[in-house]
Amino acid sequence: MHTPHVVAVMGVAGTGKTTIGPLLAARLGVPYAEGDDFHPPANIAKMSAGVPLEDADRWPWLDAIGAWAHGRAGRGGVVSCSALKRSYRDRLRTTAPGLVFVHLAGDRALIEDRMGHRQGHFMPTALLDSQFATLQPLQPDEAGVVVDVSGSPEEIAERAARALAGLSDVPE
């Protein structure tokens, strides 16, 4: 029997985590959680002011996301989380060992253009360079897939669902 994956949709700001996450969750028939909702107010204030978070700022956020993912083990779920560094993904997997990553990746110019057109988000385009500088792509020993962000949200979600279907079950 196939156990539904618990998936973290990751990538730099502007790749569409908040758009693709719910679409992917709907395709998989599992709940979606918005990773930004796990940030404490101090983190949102820093990012809104254009100040990149430090690792010490991220640990409680990652732990909260990991706890949500652990609670979905065996039942499936999708959560958005930038998870830019390997150490962040390792921390998530400490709490949720079966977590699988969908890395939304694409051309910097496309991502910057999309960021410039979105409304009401606290992450300014000025932080995009720091996001790309921090990004450590998935490694071969990490459960996950890389999905290109070109095309419509529906096309991207479909590519992600197909890629996930190709993964073997990940141990809980």
N, C-alpha and C. Protein backbone atom coordinates (compact mmCIF):
# COMPACT_ATOMS: atom_id res chain seq x y z
N MET A 1 0.83 -1.19 0.00
CA MET A 1 0.00 0.00 0.00
C MET A 1 0.87 1.25 0.00
N HIS A 2 0.51 2.24 -0.79
CA HIS A 2 1.26 3.48 -0.88
C HIS A 2 0.83 4.44 0.23
N THR A 3 1.79 4.88 1.02
CA THR A 3 1.53 5.88 2.06
C THR A 3 1.72 7.25 1.46
N PRO A 4 0.78 8.19 1.65
CA PRO A 4 0.95 9.53 1.08
C PRO A 4 2.18 10.22 1.66
N HIS A 5 2.90 10.90 0.80
CA HIS A 5 4.07 11.65 1.23
C HIS A 5 3.66 12.86 2.06
N VAL A 6 4.53 13.24 2.98
CA VAL A 6 4.48 14.57 3.58
C VAL A 6 5.55 15.36 2.85
N VAL A 7 5.13 16.45 2.20
CA VAL A 7 5.97 17.17 1.25
C VAL A 7 6.21 18.59 1.73
N ALA A 8 7.45 19.02 1.65
CA ALA A 8 7.80 20.43 1.86
C ALA A 8 8.11 21.01 0.48
N VAL A 9 7.35 22.02 0.08
CA VAL A 9 7.61 22.72 -1.18
C VAL A 9 8.60 23.82 -0.85
N MET A 10 9.81 23.70 -1.40
CA MET A 10 10.91 24.58 -1.04
C MET A 10 11.39 25.40 -2.23
N GLY A 11 12.18 26.43 -1.94
CA GLY A 11 12.78 27.25 -2.97
C GLY A 11 12.92 28.68 -2.48
N VAL A 12 13.62 29.47 -3.27
CA VAL A 12 13.80 30.88 -2.91
C VAL A 12 12.45 31.60 -2.99
N ALA A 13 12.40 32.78 -2.40
CA ALA A 13 11.20 33.60 -2.47
C ALA A 13 10.83 33.84 -3.93
N GLY A 14 9.55 33.83 -4.22
CA GLY A 14 9.08 34.12 -5.57
C GLY A 14 8.97 32.93 -6.49
N THR A 15 9.33 31.73 -6.03
CA THR A 15 9.23 30.56 -6.90
C THR A 15 7.81 30.01 -6.96
N GLY A 16 6.95 30.46 -6.05
CA GLY A 16 5.56 30.03 -6.11
C GLY A 16 5.17 29.02 -5.05
N LYS A 17 5.91 28.94 -3.96
CA LYS A 17 5.60 27.94 -2.93
C LYS A 17 4.16 28.06 -2.44
N THR A 18 3.71 29.29 -2.20
CA THR A 18 2.37 29.52 -1.67
C THR A 18 1.29 29.27 -2.71
N THR A 19 1.63 29.39 -3.97
CA THR A 19 0.68 29.10 -5.05
C THR A 19 0.66 27.61 -5.38
N ILE A 20 1.83 27.03 -5.52
CA ILE A 20 1.94 25.63 -5.94
C ILE A 20 1.57 24.68 -4.80
N GLY A 21 1.92 25.02 -3.57
CA GLY A 21 1.64 24.15 -2.42
C GLY A 21 0.19 23.71 -2.34
N PRO A 22 -0.78 24.67 -2.32
CA PRO A 22 -2.18 24.24 -2.24
C PRO A 22 -2.64 23.45 -3.47
N LEU A 23 -2.13 23.81 -4.65
CA LEU A 23 -2.50 23.07 -5.86
C LEU A 23 -1.99 21.64 -5.79
N LEU A 24 -0.76 21.48 -5.32
CA LEU A 24 -0.19 20.15 -5.18
C LEU A 24 -0.94 19.35 -4.12
N ALA A 25 -1.25 19.99 -2.99
CA ALA A 25 -2.01 19.30 -1.94
C ALA A 25 -3.36 18.83 -2.47
N ALA A 26 -4.03 19.67 -3.24
CA ALA A 26 -5.32 19.27 -3.81
C ALA A 26 -5.16 18.08 -4.74
N ARG A 27 -4.10 18.08 -5.56
CA ARG A 27 -3.87 16.95 -6.46
C ARG A 27 -3.61 15.66 -5.69
N LEU A 28 -2.92 15.80 -4.55
CA LEU A 28 -2.57 14.62 -3.74
C LEU A 28 -3.68 14.25 -2.76
N GLY A 29 -4.66 15.11 -2.59
CA GLY A 29 -5.75 14.84 -1.66
C GLY A 29 -5.35 14.91 -0.20
N VAL A 30 -4.44 15.84 0.11
CA VAL A 30 -3.94 16.00 1.48
C VAL A 30 -4.03 17.47 1.89
N PRO A 31 -3.94 17.77 3.20
CA PRO A 31 -4.01 19.16 3.65
C PRO A 31 -2.75 19.95 3.30
N TYR A 32 -2.92 21.26 3.23
CA TYR A 32 -1.82 22.19 2.97
C TYR A 32 -1.64 23.11 4.17
N ALA A 33 -0.39 23.40 4.51
CA ALA A 33 -0.07 24.38 5.55
C ALA A 33 0.89 25.41 4.97
N GLU A 34 0.59 26.67 5.19
CA GLU A 34 1.43 27.78 4.71
C GLU A 34 2.59 27.97 5.68
N GLY A 35 3.81 27.76 5.19
CA GLY A 35 4.99 27.86 6.03
C GLY A 35 5.17 29.21 6.69
N ASP A 36 4.78 30.28 5.99
CA ASP A 36 4.92 31.62 6.58
C ASP A 36 4.11 31.76 7.86
N ASP A 37 3.02 31.00 7.98
CA ASP A 37 2.18 31.08 9.18
C ASP A 37 2.89 30.55 10.43
N PHE A 38 3.98 29.82 10.25
CA PHE A 38 4.73 29.27 11.37
C PHE A 38 5.78 30.25 11.89
N HIS A 39 6.03 31.36 11.17
CA HIS A 39 7.02 32.35 11.60
C HIS A 39 6.52 33.11 12.81
N PRO A 40 7.38 33.32 13.80
CA PRO A 40 7.01 34.22 14.89
C PRO A 40 6.98 35.67 14.37
N PRO A 41 6.22 36.56 15.02
CA PRO A 41 6.11 37.94 14.56
C PRO A 41 7.46 38.65 14.39
N ALA A 42 8.43 38.33 15.22
CA ALA A 42 9.74 38.99 15.11
C ALA A 42 10.41 38.67 13.76
N ASN A 43 10.24 37.44 13.27
CA ASN A 43 10.81 37.09 11.97
C ASN A 43 10.15 37.88 10.85
N ILE A 44 8.84 37.99 10.89
CA ILE A 44 8.12 38.73 9.85
C ILE A 44 8.53 40.20 9.88
N ALA A 45 8.69 40.75 11.06
CA ALA A 45 9.12 42.15 11.18
C ALA A 45 10.50 42.35 10.56
N LYS A 46 11.42 41.42 10.82
CA LYS A 46 12.77 41.52 10.25
C LYS A 46 12.72 41.49 8.72
N MET A 47 12.01 40.48 8.19
CA MET A 47 11.95 40.34 6.74
C MET A 47 11.24 41.52 6.09
N SER A 48 10.20 42.02 6.73
CA SER A 48 9.47 43.18 6.20
C SER A 48 10.36 44.41 6.13
N ALA A 49 11.33 44.47 7.04
CA ALA A 49 12.27 45.59 7.07
C ALA A 49 13.45 45.35 6.12
N GLY A 50 13.43 44.22 5.39
CA GLY A 50 14.51 43.93 4.45
C GLY A 50 15.74 43.32 5.09
N VAL A 51 15.59 42.81 6.32
CA VAL A 51 16.70 42.22 7.05
C VAL A 51 16.61 40.69 6.93
N PRO A 52 17.63 40.06 6.34
CA PRO A 52 17.59 38.60 6.24
C PRO A 52 17.61 37.95 7.62
N LEU A 53 16.92 36.84 7.74
CA LEU A 53 16.91 36.09 9.00
C LEU A 53 18.27 35.42 9.21
N GLU A 54 18.63 35.28 10.47
CA GLU A 54 19.81 34.50 10.84
C GLU A 54 19.33 33.10 11.23
N ASP A 55 20.26 32.16 11.28
CA ASP A 55 19.88 30.79 11.61
C ASP A 55 19.15 30.72 12.95
N ALA A 56 19.60 31.49 13.94
CA ALA A 56 18.94 31.47 15.25
C ALA A 56 17.47 31.89 15.14
N ASP A 57 17.15 32.76 14.17
CA ASP A 57 15.77 33.16 13.95
C ASP A 57 14.96 32.02 13.35
N ARG A 58 15.62 31.19 12.56
CA ARG A 58 14.92 30.15 11.81
C ARG A 58 14.62 28.90 12.62
N TRP A 59 15.43 28.59 13.64
CA TRP A 59 15.28 27.31 14.32
C TRP A 59 13.86 27.08 14.87
N PRO A 60 13.27 28.04 15.60
CA PRO A 60 11.90 27.79 16.11
C PRO A 60 10.89 27.62 14.97
N TRP A 61 11.08 28.36 13.89
CA TRP A 61 10.20 28.26 12.72
C TRP A 61 10.31 26.87 12.11
N LEU A 62 11.53 26.40 11.89
CA LEU A 62 11.74 25.07 11.31
C LEU A 62 11.21 23.98 12.24
N ASP A 63 11.40 24.16 13.54
CA ASP A 63 10.90 23.16 14.49
C ASP A 63 9.37 23.08 14.45
N ALA A 64 8.71 24.22 14.30
CA ALA A 64 7.24 24.23 14.22
C ALA A 64 6.76 23.54 12.95
N ILE A 65 7.43 23.79 11.84
CA ILE A 65 7.08 23.14 10.58
C ILE A 65 7.34 21.63 10.68
N GLY A 66 8.49 21.27 11.27
CA GLY A 66 8.82 19.86 11.45
C GLY A 66 7.78 19.14 12.30
N ALA A 67 7.29 19.80 13.34
CA ALA A 67 6.27 19.20 14.19
C ALA A 67 4.97 18.99 13.42
N TRP A 68 4.60 19.96 12.58
CA TRP A 68 3.40 19.79 11.75
C TRP A 68 3.59 18.60 10.81
N ALA A 69 4.75 18.54 10.15
CA ALA A 69 5.02 17.45 9.20
C ALA A 69 5.02 16.09 9.92
N HIS A 70 5.59 16.04 11.10
CA HIS A 70 5.60 14.79 11.87
C HIS A 70 4.17 14.35 12.19
N GLY A 71 3.34 15.30 12.53
CA GLY A 71 1.94 14.98 12.83
C GLY A 71 1.16 14.47 11.63
N ARG A 72 1.65 14.70 10.44
CA ARG A 72 0.99 14.25 9.21
C ARG A 72 1.58 12.93 8.69
N ALA A 73 2.61 12.41 9.35
CA ALA A 73 3.27 11.17 8.90
C ALA A 73 2.25 10.06 8.74
N GLY A 74 2.30 9.37 7.63
CA GLY A 74 1.39 8.27 7.34
C GLY A 74 0.07 8.71 6.76
N ARG A 75 -0.20 10.03 6.82
CA ARG A 75 -1.47 10.56 6.30
C ARG A 75 -1.26 11.54 5.16
N GLY A 76 -0.04 12.05 5.01
CA GLY A 76 0.27 12.97 3.93
C GLY A 76 -0.05 14.41 4.27
N GLY A 77 0.61 15.31 3.57
CA GLY A 77 0.40 16.73 3.74
C GLY A 77 1.41 17.49 2.91
N VAL A 78 1.13 18.75 2.69
CA VAL A 78 2.05 19.62 1.95
C VAL A 78 2.22 20.89 2.76
N VAL A 79 3.45 21.31 2.94
CA VAL A 79 3.76 22.56 3.64
C VAL A 79 4.79 23.33 2.81
N SER A 80 4.62 24.64 2.75
CA SER A 80 5.63 25.46 2.08
C SER A 80 6.69 25.85 3.10
N CYS A 81 7.95 25.82 2.67
CA CYS A 81 9.07 26.17 3.54
C CYS A 81 10.28 26.40 2.65
N SER A 82 10.90 27.55 2.74
CA SER A 82 12.03 27.84 1.84
C SER A 82 13.11 26.77 1.93
N ALA A 83 13.46 26.30 3.13
CA ALA A 83 14.42 25.20 3.32
C ALA A 83 15.65 25.34 2.43
N LEU A 84 16.23 26.54 2.41
CA LEU A 84 17.29 26.84 1.46
C LEU A 84 18.60 26.10 1.73
N LYS A 85 18.90 25.85 3.00
CA LYS A 85 20.16 25.19 3.34
C LYS A 85 19.94 23.73 3.70
N ARG A 86 20.94 22.93 3.44
CA ARG A 86 20.90 21.52 3.82
C ARG A 86 20.67 21.39 5.32
N SER A 87 21.31 22.24 6.11
CA SER A 87 21.15 22.14 7.57
C SER A 87 19.70 22.39 7.97
N TYR A 88 18.97 23.22 7.24
CA TYR A 88 17.55 23.46 7.55
C TYR A 88 16.74 22.21 7.23
N ARG A 89 17.03 21.60 6.09
CA ARG A 89 16.31 20.38 5.71
C ARG A 89 16.63 19.25 6.68
N ASP A 90 17.90 19.16 7.10
CA ASP A 90 18.28 18.15 8.08
C ASP A 90 17.52 18.36 9.39
N ARG A 91 17.37 19.62 9.80
CA ARG A 91 16.63 19.90 11.04
C ARG A 91 15.17 19.48 10.90
N LEU A 92 14.57 19.77 9.76
CA LEU A 92 13.19 19.34 9.51
C LEU A 92 13.08 17.82 9.57
N ARG A 93 14.04 17.12 8.95
CA ARG A 93 14.00 15.66 8.93
C ARG A 93 14.29 15.04 10.29
N THR A 94 14.91 15.78 11.19
CA THR A 94 15.12 15.27 12.55
C THR A 94 13.78 15.01 13.21
N THR A 95 12.83 15.92 13.00
CA THR A 95 11.49 15.78 13.58
C THR A 95 10.58 14.95 12.67
N ALA A 96 10.75 15.10 11.36
CA ALA A 96 9.87 14.44 10.38
C ALA A 96 10.75 13.66 9.39
N PRO A 97 11.23 12.47 9.79
CA PRO A 97 12.20 11.73 8.96
C PRO A 97 11.71 11.39 7.55
N GLY A 98 10.41 11.23 7.36
CA GLY A 98 9.90 10.85 6.05
C GLY A 98 9.61 12.02 5.13
N LEU A 99 9.96 13.24 5.55
CA LEU A 99 9.66 14.43 4.76
C LEU A 99 10.35 14.37 3.40
N VAL A 100 9.59 14.70 2.35
CA VAL A 100 10.08 14.73 0.98
C VAL A 100 10.03 16.18 0.50
N PHE A 101 11.01 16.59 -0.28
CA PHE A 101 11.08 17.98 -0.74
C PHE A 101 10.77 18.10 -2.22
N VAL A 102 9.99 19.12 -2.55
CA VAL A 102 9.80 19.53 -3.94
C VAL A 102 10.48 20.88 -4.05
N HIS A 103 11.63 20.89 -4.73
CA HIS A 103 12.40 22.12 -4.89
C HIS A 103 11.93 22.83 -6.16
N LEU A 104 11.23 23.96 -5.95
CA LEU A 104 10.81 24.79 -7.08
C LEU A 104 12.01 25.62 -7.50
N ALA A 105 12.44 25.44 -8.73
CA ALA A 105 13.66 26.10 -9.20
C ALA A 105 13.41 26.77 -10.54
N GLY A 106 14.10 27.86 -10.77
CA GLY A 106 13.94 28.53 -12.05
C GLY A 106 14.92 29.67 -12.24
N ASP A 107 14.78 30.30 -13.35
CA ASP A 107 15.63 31.41 -13.76
C ASP A 107 15.42 32.61 -12.83
N ARG A 108 16.51 33.24 -12.40
CA ARG A 108 16.44 34.36 -11.46
C ARG A 108 15.60 35.50 -12.02
N ALA A 109 15.74 35.81 -13.29
CA ALA A 109 14.98 36.92 -13.88
C ALA A 109 13.47 36.65 -13.82
N LEU A 110 13.06 35.42 -14.11
CA LEU A 110 11.65 35.05 -14.04
C LEU A 110 11.13 35.19 -12.60
N ILE A 111 11.91 34.71 -11.65
CA ILE A 111 11.49 34.77 -10.25
C ILE A 111 11.40 36.22 -9.77
N GLU A 112 12.36 37.04 -10.13
CA GLU A 112 12.32 38.45 -9.74
C GLU A 112 11.12 39.15 -10.35
N ASP A 113 10.81 38.83 -11.60
CA ASP A 113 9.63 39.42 -12.26
C ASP A 113 8.35 39.03 -11.51
N ARG A 114 8.24 37.77 -11.15
CA ARG A 114 7.06 37.32 -10.42
C ARG A 114 6.96 38.00 -9.06
N MET A 115 8.08 38.15 -8.37
CA MET A 115 8.07 38.82 -7.07
C MET A 115 7.60 40.27 -7.20
N GLY A 116 8.02 40.92 -8.29
CA GLY A 116 7.65 42.31 -8.51
C GLY A 116 6.17 42.52 -8.75
N HIS A 117 5.46 41.45 -9.14
CA HIS A 117 4.04 41.56 -9.46
C HIS A 117 3.11 41.06 -8.36
N ARG A 118 3.67 40.48 -7.31
CA ARG A 118 2.77 39.96 -6.27
C ARG A 118 2.42 41.06 -5.27
N GLN A 119 1.25 40.92 -4.72
CA GLN A 119 0.71 41.93 -3.81
C GLN A 119 0.69 41.42 -2.37
N GLY A 120 0.99 42.31 -1.43
CA GLY A 120 0.76 42.02 -0.03
C GLY A 120 1.68 41.00 0.61
N HIS A 121 2.87 40.80 0.06
CA HIS A 121 3.80 39.85 0.68
C HIS A 121 4.91 40.61 1.37
N PHE A 122 5.37 40.09 2.51
CA PHE A 122 6.35 40.81 3.31
C PHE A 122 7.78 40.70 2.79
N MET A 123 8.06 39.79 1.86
CA MET A 123 9.43 39.58 1.39
C MET A 123 9.74 40.50 0.21
N PRO A 124 10.61 41.50 0.41
CA PRO A 124 10.94 42.40 -0.70
C PRO A 124 11.89 41.74 -1.70
N THR A 125 11.84 42.21 -2.95
CA THR A 125 12.73 41.65 -3.97
C THR A 125 14.19 41.90 -3.63
N ALA A 126 14.47 42.89 -2.79
CA ALA A 126 15.85 43.19 -2.40
C ALA A 126 16.52 42.00 -1.70
N LEU A 127 15.73 41.11 -1.10
CA LEU A 127 16.31 39.95 -0.42
C LEU A 127 16.53 38.75 -1.34
N LEU A 128 16.18 38.88 -2.61
CA LEU A 128 16.32 37.74 -3.53
C LEU A 128 17.78 37.32 -3.69
N ASP A 129 18.69 38.29 -3.77
CA ASP A 129 20.11 37.93 -3.91
C ASP A 129 20.59 37.10 -2.72
N SER A 130 20.17 37.49 -1.50
CA SER A 130 20.60 36.72 -0.33
C SER A 130 19.99 35.32 -0.35
N GLN A 131 18.77 35.21 -0.89
CA GLN A 131 18.13 33.89 -0.99
C GLN A 131 18.94 32.98 -1.93
N PHE A 132 19.30 33.51 -3.10
CA PHE A 132 20.08 32.70 -4.05
C PHE A 132 21.47 32.38 -3.50
N ALA A 133 22.06 33.32 -2.76
CA ALA A 133 23.39 33.07 -2.18
C ALA A 133 23.33 31.98 -1.12
N THR A 134 22.22 31.89 -0.41
CA THR A 134 22.04 30.91 0.66
C THR A 134 21.66 29.53 0.12
N LEU A 135 20.97 29.48 -1.02
CA LEU A 135 20.41 28.24 -1.54
C LEU A 135 21.47 27.15 -1.72
N GLN A 136 21.19 26.00 -1.11
CA GLN A 136 21.97 24.78 -1.33
C GLN A 136 20.99 23.76 -1.91
N PRO A 137 21.10 23.48 -3.22
CA PRO A 137 20.15 22.57 -3.86
C PRO A 137 20.13 21.19 -3.18
N LEU A 138 19.03 20.48 -3.41
CA LEU A 138 18.91 19.11 -2.89
C LEU A 138 20.11 18.28 -3.32
N GLN A 139 20.57 17.44 -2.42
CA GLN A 139 21.68 16.54 -2.71
C GLN A 139 21.13 15.16 -3.05
N PRO A 140 21.93 14.33 -3.74
CA PRO A 140 21.44 13.01 -4.15
C PRO A 140 20.92 12.14 -3.01
N ASP A 141 21.42 12.35 -1.77
CA ASP A 141 20.96 11.53 -0.65
C ASP A 141 19.72 12.10 0.05
N GLU A 142 19.14 13.18 -0.50
CA GLU A 142 17.95 13.77 0.08
C GLU A 142 16.72 13.36 -0.73
N ALA A 143 15.67 12.93 -0.03
CA ALA A 143 14.43 12.53 -0.70
C ALA A 143 13.76 13.77 -1.26
N GLY A 144 13.62 13.81 -2.56
CA GLY A 144 12.96 14.95 -3.16
C GLY A 144 13.16 15.02 -4.65
N VAL A 145 12.53 16.04 -5.23
CA VAL A 145 12.56 16.26 -6.67
C VAL A 145 12.74 17.76 -6.93
N VAL A 146 13.31 18.07 -8.08
CA VAL A 146 13.44 19.46 -8.52
C VAL A 146 12.43 19.67 -9.64
N VAL A 147 11.66 20.75 -9.52
CA VAL A 147 10.60 21.05 -10.49
C VAL A 147 10.81 22.46 -11.02
N ASP A 148 10.85 22.58 -12.33
CA ASP A 148 11.02 23.89 -12.98
C ASP A 148 9.76 24.73 -12.81
N VAL A 149 9.95 26.04 -12.56
CA VAL A 149 8.81 26.92 -12.29
C VAL A 149 8.31 27.67 -13.52
N SER A 150 8.76 27.30 -14.69
CA SER A 150 8.20 27.94 -15.87
C SER A 150 6.82 27.36 -16.17
N GLY A 151 5.97 28.18 -16.77
CA GLY A 151 4.62 27.72 -17.10
C GLY A 151 3.61 28.19 -16.08
N SER A 152 2.39 27.71 -16.24
CA SER A 152 1.30 28.10 -15.35
C SER A 152 1.40 27.36 -14.02
N PRO A 153 0.76 27.88 -12.98
CA PRO A 153 0.76 27.16 -11.70
C PRO A 153 0.23 25.73 -11.83
N GLU A 154 -0.80 25.54 -12.63
CA GLU A 154 -1.36 24.21 -12.82
C GLU A 154 -0.34 23.27 -13.46
N GLU A 155 0.41 23.78 -14.45
CA GLU A 155 1.44 22.95 -15.10
C GLU A 155 2.54 22.59 -14.11
N ILE A 156 2.94 23.54 -13.29
CA ILE A 156 4.00 23.29 -12.31
C ILE A 156 3.53 22.26 -11.29
N ALA A 157 2.31 22.41 -10.78
CA ALA A 157 1.77 21.46 -9.80
C ALA A 157 1.67 20.06 -10.41
N GLU A 158 1.26 19.99 -11.66
CA GLU A 158 1.17 18.69 -12.33
C GLU A 158 2.55 18.05 -12.46
N ARG A 159 3.58 18.85 -12.85
CA ARG A 159 4.95 18.32 -12.93
C ARG A 159 5.40 17.81 -11.57
N ALA A 160 5.09 18.56 -10.51
CA ALA A 160 5.49 18.15 -9.17
C ALA A 160 4.81 16.85 -8.77
N ALA A 161 3.51 16.74 -9.02
CA ALA A 161 2.77 15.51 -8.67
C ALA A 161 3.34 14.31 -9.43
N ARG A 162 3.63 14.48 -10.71
CA ARG A 162 4.21 13.38 -11.51
C ARG A 162 5.58 12.98 -10.96
N ALA A 163 6.40 13.99 -10.62
CA ALA A 163 7.73 13.70 -10.09
C ALA A 163 7.65 12.96 -8.76
N LEU A 164 6.72 13.38 -7.90
CA LEU A 164 6.54 12.70 -6.61
C LEU A 164 6.06 11.28 -6.80
N ALA A 165 5.19 11.05 -7.77
CA ALA A 165 4.68 9.70 -8.03
C ALA A 165 5.81 8.76 -8.43
N GLY A 166 6.88 9.32 -8.99
CA GLY A 166 8.02 8.51 -9.39
C GLY A 166 8.97 8.16 -8.25
N LEU A 167 8.76 8.76 -7.07
CA LEU A 167 9.62 8.45 -5.93
C LEU A 167 9.12 7.17 -5.26
N SER A 168 10.06 6.39 -4.78
CA SER A 168 9.65 5.22 -3.98
C SER A 168 9.26 5.72 -2.59
N ASP A 169 8.56 4.90 -1.84
CA ASP A 169 8.16 5.27 -0.48
C ASP A 169 9.38 5.64 0.34
N VAL A 170 9.23 6.67 1.13
CA VAL A 170 10.29 7.14 2.02
C VAL A 170 9.99 6.61 3.41
N PRO A 171 11.01 6.09 4.11
CA PRO A 171 10.73 5.56 5.44
C PRO A 171 10.22 6.65 6.37
N GLU A 172 9.26 6.28 7.22
CA GLU A 172 8.74 7.21 8.23
C GLU A 172 9.76 7.29 9.30
